[in-house]
């Protein structure tokens, strides 16, 4: 077996790991939080602001 055979795989694995941790996860977090905020905003336009009515 060639010991250098695993090197490109390790480099690719490191690049993929960095992409996932630096780009993908933060982007997904922003999209999820933004989507939730948008859903709450739309819901409040339909149902009104939170709290007891008449105050």
PDB file of N, CA and C in Angstrom:
ATOM      1  N   UNK A   1       0.827  -1.192   0.000  1.00  0.00           N
ATOM      2  CA  UNK A   1       0.000   0.000   0.000  1.00  0.00           C
ATOM      3  C   UNK A   1       0.865   1.246   0.000  1.00  0.00           C
ATOM      4  N   UNK A   2       0.390   2.256  -0.682  1.00  0.00           N
ATOM      5  CA  UNK A   2       1.112   3.518  -0.760  1.00  0.00           C
ATOM      6  C   UNK A   2       0.652   4.434   0.379  1.00  0.00           C
ATOM      7  N   UNK A   3       1.571   4.883   1.240  1.00  0.00           N
ATOM      8  CA  UNK A   3       1.149   5.740   2.352  1.00  0.00           C
ATOM      9  C   UNK A   3       0.609   7.101   1.912  1.00  0.00           C
ATOM     10  N   UNK A   4       0.980   7.537   0.710  1.00  0.00           N
ATOM     11  CA  UNK A   4       0.504   8.824   0.221  1.00  0.00           C
ATOM     12  C   UNK A   4      -0.874   8.728  -0.423  1.00  0.00           C
ATOM     13  N   UNK A   5      -1.409   7.530  -0.526  1.00  0.00           N
ATOM     14  CA  UNK A   5      -2.706   7.356  -1.178  1.00  0.00           C
ATOM     15  C   UNK A   5      -3.821   8.038  -0.390  1.00  0.00           C
ATOM     16  N   UNK A   6      -3.675   8.151   0.931  1.00  0.00           N
ATOM     17  CA  UNK A   6      -4.716   8.770   1.734  1.00  0.00           C
ATOM     18  C   UNK A   6      -4.616  10.274   1.835  1.00  0.00           C
ATOM     19  N   UNK A   7      -3.545  10.878   1.346  1.00  0.00           N
ATOM     20  CA  UNK A   7      -3.347  12.310   1.507  1.00  0.00           C
ATOM     21  C   UNK A   7      -4.407  13.159   0.793  1.00  0.00           C
ATOM     22  N   UNK A   8      -4.708  12.932  -0.474  1.00  0.00           N
ATOM     23  CA  UNK A   8      -5.744  13.755  -1.110  1.00  0.00           C
ATOM     24  C   UNK A   8      -7.091  13.628  -0.399  1.00  0.00           C
ATOM     25  N   UNK A   9      -7.376  12.429   0.093  1.00  0.00           N
ATOM     26  CA  UNK A   9      -8.622  12.214   0.797  1.00  0.00           C
ATOM     27  C   UNK A   9      -8.650  13.024   2.101  1.00  0.00           C
ATOM     28  N   UNK A  10      -7.529  13.031   2.821  1.00  0.00           N
ATOM     29  CA  UNK A  10      -7.459  13.788   4.076  1.00  0.00           C
ATOM     30  C   UNK A  10      -7.588  15.287   3.792  1.00  0.00           C
ATOM     31  N   UNK A  11      -6.937  15.760   2.737  1.00  0.00           N
ATOM     32  CA  UNK A  11      -7.025  17.184   2.394  1.00  0.00           C
ATOM     33  C   UNK A  11      -8.450  17.549   2.013  1.00  0.00           C
ATOM     34  N   UNK A  12      -9.076  16.697   1.224  1.00  0.00           N
ATOM     35  CA  UNK A  12     -10.460  16.953   0.825  1.00  0.00           C
ATOM     36  C   UNK A  12     -11.387  16.924   2.045  1.00  0.00           C
ATOM     37  N   UNK A  13     -11.123  16.008   2.952  1.00  0.00           N
ATOM     38  CA  UNK A  13     -11.924  15.912   4.173  1.00  0.00           C
ATOM     39  C   UNK A  13     -11.767  17.179   5.019  1.00  0.00           C
ATOM     40  N   UNK A  14     -10.565  17.703   5.123  1.00  0.00           N
ATOM     41  CA  UNK A  14     -10.332  18.935   5.880  1.00  0.00           C
ATOM     42  C   UNK A  14     -11.038  20.117   5.232  1.00  0.00           C
ATOM     43  N   UNK A  15     -10.953  20.235   3.909  1.00  0.00           N
ATOM     44  CA  UNK A  15     -11.616  21.326   3.201  1.00  0.00           C
ATOM     45  C   UNK A  15     -13.128  21.229   3.378  1.00  0.00           C
ATOM     46  N   UNK A  16     -13.670  20.018   3.285  1.00  0.00           N
ATOM     47  CA  UNK A  16     -15.103  19.825   3.468  1.00  0.00           C
ATOM     48  C   UNK A  16     -15.525  20.173   4.893  1.00  0.00           C
ATOM     49  N   UNK A  17     -14.734  19.769   5.878  1.00  0.00           N
ATOM     50  CA  UNK A  17     -15.021  20.093   7.275  1.00  0.00           C
ATOM     51  C   UNK A  17     -15.032  21.599   7.488  1.00  0.00           C
ATOM     52  N   UNK A  18     -14.031  22.298   6.947  1.00  0.00           N
ATOM     53  CA  UNK A  18     -13.975  23.751   7.092  1.00  0.00           C
ATOM     54  C   UNK A  18     -15.155  24.420   6.393  1.00  0.00           C
ATOM     55  N   UNK A  19     -15.534  23.933   5.229  1.00  0.00           N
ATOM     56  CA  UNK A  19     -16.685  24.485   4.518  1.00  0.00           C
ATOM     57  C   UNK A  19     -17.957  24.320   5.339  1.00  0.00           C
ATOM     58  N   UNK A  20     -18.136  23.136   5.911  1.00  0.00           N
ATOM     59  CA  UNK A  20     -19.346  22.884   6.697  1.00  0.00           C
ATOM     60  C   UNK A  20     -19.394  23.765   7.933  1.00  0.00           C
ATOM     61  N   UNK A  21     -18.271  23.888   8.645  1.00  0.00           N
ATOM     62  CA  UNK A  21     -18.273  24.637   9.898  1.00  0.00           C
ATOM     63  C   UNK A  21     -18.233  26.151   9.695  1.00  0.00           C
ATOM     64  N   UNK A  22     -17.596  26.630   8.625  1.00  0.00           N
ATOM     65  CA  UNK A  22     -17.443  28.070   8.431  1.00  0.00           C
ATOM     66  C   UNK A  22     -18.559  28.648   7.574  1.00  0.00           C
ATOM     67  N   UNK A  23     -19.079  27.891   6.618  1.00  0.00           N
ATOM     68  CA  UNK A  23     -20.062  28.424   5.680  1.00  0.00           C
ATOM     69  C   UNK A  23     -21.453  27.827   5.902  1.00  0.00           C
ATOM     70  N   UNK A  24     -21.549  26.514   5.872  1.00  0.00           N
ATOM     71  CA  UNK A  24     -22.860  25.872   5.831  1.00  0.00           C
ATOM     72  C   UNK A  24     -23.638  26.035   7.128  1.00  0.00           C
ATOM     73  N   UNK A  25     -23.045  25.706   8.275  1.00  0.00           N
ATOM     74  CA  UNK A  25     -23.777  25.781   9.535  1.00  0.00           C
ATOM     75  C   UNK A  25     -24.180  27.215   9.891  1.00  0.00           C
ATOM     76  N   UNK A  26     -23.306  28.211   9.767  1.00  0.00           N
ATOM     77  CA  UNK A  26     -23.771  29.579  10.045  1.00  0.00           C
ATOM     78  C   UNK A  26     -24.879  30.034   9.091  1.00  0.00           C
ATOM     79  N   UNK A  27     -24.776  29.658   7.831  1.00  0.00           N
ATOM     80  CA  UNK A  27     -25.806  30.025   6.872  1.00  0.00           C
ATOM     81  C   UNK A  27     -27.137  29.372   7.222  1.00  0.00           C
ATOM     82  N   UNK A  28     -27.100  28.100   7.580  1.00  0.00           N
ATOM     83  CA  UNK A  28     -28.325  27.419   7.988  1.00  0.00           C
ATOM     84  C   UNK A  28     -28.919  28.039   9.247  1.00  0.00           C
ATOM     85  N   UNK A  29     -28.074  28.413  10.203  1.00  0.00           N
ATOM     86  CA  UNK A  29     -28.566  29.037  11.435  1.00  0.00           C
ATOM     87  C   UNK A  29     -29.262  30.355  11.128  1.00  0.00           C
ATOM     88  N   UNK A  30     -28.670  31.183  10.281  1.00  0.00           N
ATOM     89  CA  UNK A  30     -29.282  32.464   9.919  1.00  0.00           C
ATOM     90  C   UNK A  30     -30.596  32.235   9.182  1.00  0.00           C
ATOM     91  N   UNK A  31     -30.628  31.259   8.297  1.00  0.00           N
ATOM     92  CA  UNK A  31     -31.851  30.980   7.550  1.00  0.00           C
ATOM     93  C   UNK A  31     -32.967  30.475   8.466  1.00  0.00           C
ATOM     94  N   UNK A  32     -32.634  29.626   9.425  1.00  0.00           N
ATOM     95  CA  UNK A  32     -33.655  29.092  10.334  1.00  0.00           C
ATOM     96  C   UNK A  32     -34.202  30.194  11.232  1.00  0.00           C
ATOM     97  N   UNK A  33     -33.317  30.994  11.822  1.00  0.00           N
ATOM     98  CA  UNK A  33     -33.764  32.074  12.707  1.00  0.00           C
ATOM     99  C   UNK A  33     -34.543  33.122  11.905  1.00  0.00           C
ATOM    100  N   UNK A  34     -34.064  33.461  10.721  1.00  0.00           N
ATOM    101  CA  UNK A  34     -34.777  34.421   9.880  1.00  0.00           C
ATOM    102  C   UNK A  34     -36.131  33.894   9.441  1.00  0.00           C
ATOM    103  N   UNK A  35     -36.203  32.623   9.105  1.00  0.00           N
ATOM    104  CA  UNK A  35     -37.481  32.016   8.723  1.00  0.00           C
ATOM    105  C   UNK A  35     -38.473  32.010   9.867  1.00  0.00           C
ATOM    106  N   UNK A  36     -37.984  31.731  11.063  1.00  0.00           N
ATOM    107  CA  UNK A  36     -38.859  31.749  12.233  1.00  0.00           C
ATOM    108  C   UNK A  36     -39.361  33.171  12.506  1.00  0.00           C
ATOM    109  N   UNK A  37     -38.466  34.151  12.426  1.00  0.00           N
ATOM    110  CA  UNK A  37     -38.873  35.541  12.626  1.00  0.00           C
ATOM    111  C   UNK A  37     -39.882  35.982  11.583  1.00  0.00           C
ATOM    112  N   UNK A  38     -39.679  35.576  10.342  1.00  0.00           N
ATOM    113  CA  UNK A  38     -40.628  35.913   9.278  1.00  0.00           C
ATOM    114  C   UNK A  38     -41.984  35.279   9.544  1.00  0.00           C
ATOM    115  N   UNK A  39     -41.989  34.021   9.990  1.00  0.00           N
ATOM    116  CA  UNK A  39     -43.246  33.329  10.289  1.00  0.00           C
ATOM    117  C   UNK A  39     -43.988  34.020  11.432  1.00  0.00           C
ATOM    118  N   UNK A  40     -43.265  34.437  12.466  1.00  0.00           N
ATOM    119  CA  UNK A  40     -43.893  35.151  13.585  1.00  0.00           C
ATOM    120  C   UNK A  40     -44.455  36.485  13.104  1.00  0.00           C
ATOM    121  N   UNK A  41     -43.713  37.187  12.273  1.00  0.00           N
ATOM    122  CA  UNK A  41     -44.167  38.468  11.742  1.00  0.00           C
ATOM    123  C   UNK A  41     -45.465  38.300  10.942  1.00  0.00           C
ATOM    124  N   UNK A  42     -45.501  37.302  10.057  1.00  0.00           N
ATOM    125  CA  UNK A  42     -46.706  37.044   9.266  1.00  0.00           C
ATOM    126  C   UNK A  42     -47.860  36.653  10.179  1.00  0.00           C
ATOM    127  N   UNK A  43     -47.579  35.802  11.163  1.00  0.00           N
ATOM    128  CA  UNK A  43     -48.630  35.372  12.092  1.00  0.00           C
ATOM    129  C   UNK A  43     -49.198  36.563  12.858  1.00  0.00           C
ATOM    130  N   UNK A  44     -48.360  37.498  13.284  1.00  0.00           N
ATOM    131  CA  UNK A  44     -48.844  38.655  14.019  1.00  0.00           C
ATOM    132  C   UNK A  44     -49.628  39.606  13.123  1.00  0.00           C
ATOM    133  N   UNK A  45     -49.337  39.635  11.828  1.00  0.00           N
ATOM    134  CA  UNK A  45     -50.145  40.451  10.925  1.00  0.00           C
ATOM    135  C   UNK A  45     -51.540  39.844  10.788  1.00  0.00           C
ATOM    136  N   UNK A  46     -51.652  38.517  10.862  1.00  0.00           N
ATOM    137  CA  UNK A  46     -52.939  37.837  10.719  1.00  0.00           C
ATOM    138  C   UNK A  46     -53.706  37.852  12.044  1.00  0.00           C
ATOM    139  N   UNK A  47     -53.039  37.453  13.131  1.00  0.00           N
ATOM    140  CA  UNK A  47     -53.710  37.237  14.409  1.00  0.00           C
ATOM    141  C   UNK A  47     -53.636  38.442  15.349  1.00  0.00           C
ATOM    142  N   UNK A  48     -52.833  39.419  15.047  1.00  0.00           N
ATOM    143  CA  UNK A  48     -52.707  40.568  15.925  1.00  0.00           C
ATOM    144  C   UNK A  48     -51.542  40.397  16.867  1.00  0.00           C
ATOM    145  N   UNK A  49     -51.192  41.458  17.586  1.00  0.00           N
ATOM    146  CA  UNK A  49     -50.039  41.397  18.504  1.00  0.00           C
ATOM    147  C   UNK A  49     -50.323  40.489  19.694  1.00  0.00           C
ATOM    148  N   UNK A  50     -49.286  40.003  20.359  1.00  0.00           N
ATOM    149  CA  UNK A  50     -49.497  39.134  21.511  1.00  0.00           C
ATOM    150  C   UNK A  50     -50.010  39.929  22.713  1.00  0.00           C
ATOM    151  N   UNK A  51     -50.592  39.226  23.656  1.00  0.00           N
ATOM    152  CA  UNK A  51     -51.085  39.865  24.867  1.00  0.00           C
ATOM    153  C   UNK A  51     -52.594  39.799  24.938  1.00  0.00           C
ATOM    154  N   UNK A  52     -53.131  40.124  26.112  1.00  0.00           N
ATOM    155  CA  UNK A  52     -54.585  40.092  26.261  1.00  0.00           C
ATOM    156  C   UNK A  52     -55.238  41.206  25.438  1.00  0.00           C
ATOM    157  N   UNK A  53     -56.419  40.941  24.889  1.00  0.00           N
ATOM    158  CA  UNK A  53     -57.084  41.965  24.081  1.00  0.00           C
ATOM    159  C   UNK A  53     -57.593  43.106  24.967  1.00  0.00           C
ATOM    160  N   UNK A  54     -57.634  44.290  24.407  1.00  0.00           N
ATOM    161  CA  UNK A  54     -58.201  45.428  25.106  1.00  0.00           C
ATOM    162  C   UNK A  54     -57.229  46.194  25.986  1.00  0.00           C
ATOM    163  N   UNK A  55     -55.960  45.872  25.913  1.00  0.00           N
ATOM    164  CA  UNK A  55     -54.997  46.599  26.738  1.00  0.00           C
ATOM    165  C   UNK A  55     -54.180  47.517  25.858  1.00  0.00           C
TER     166      UNK A  55
END
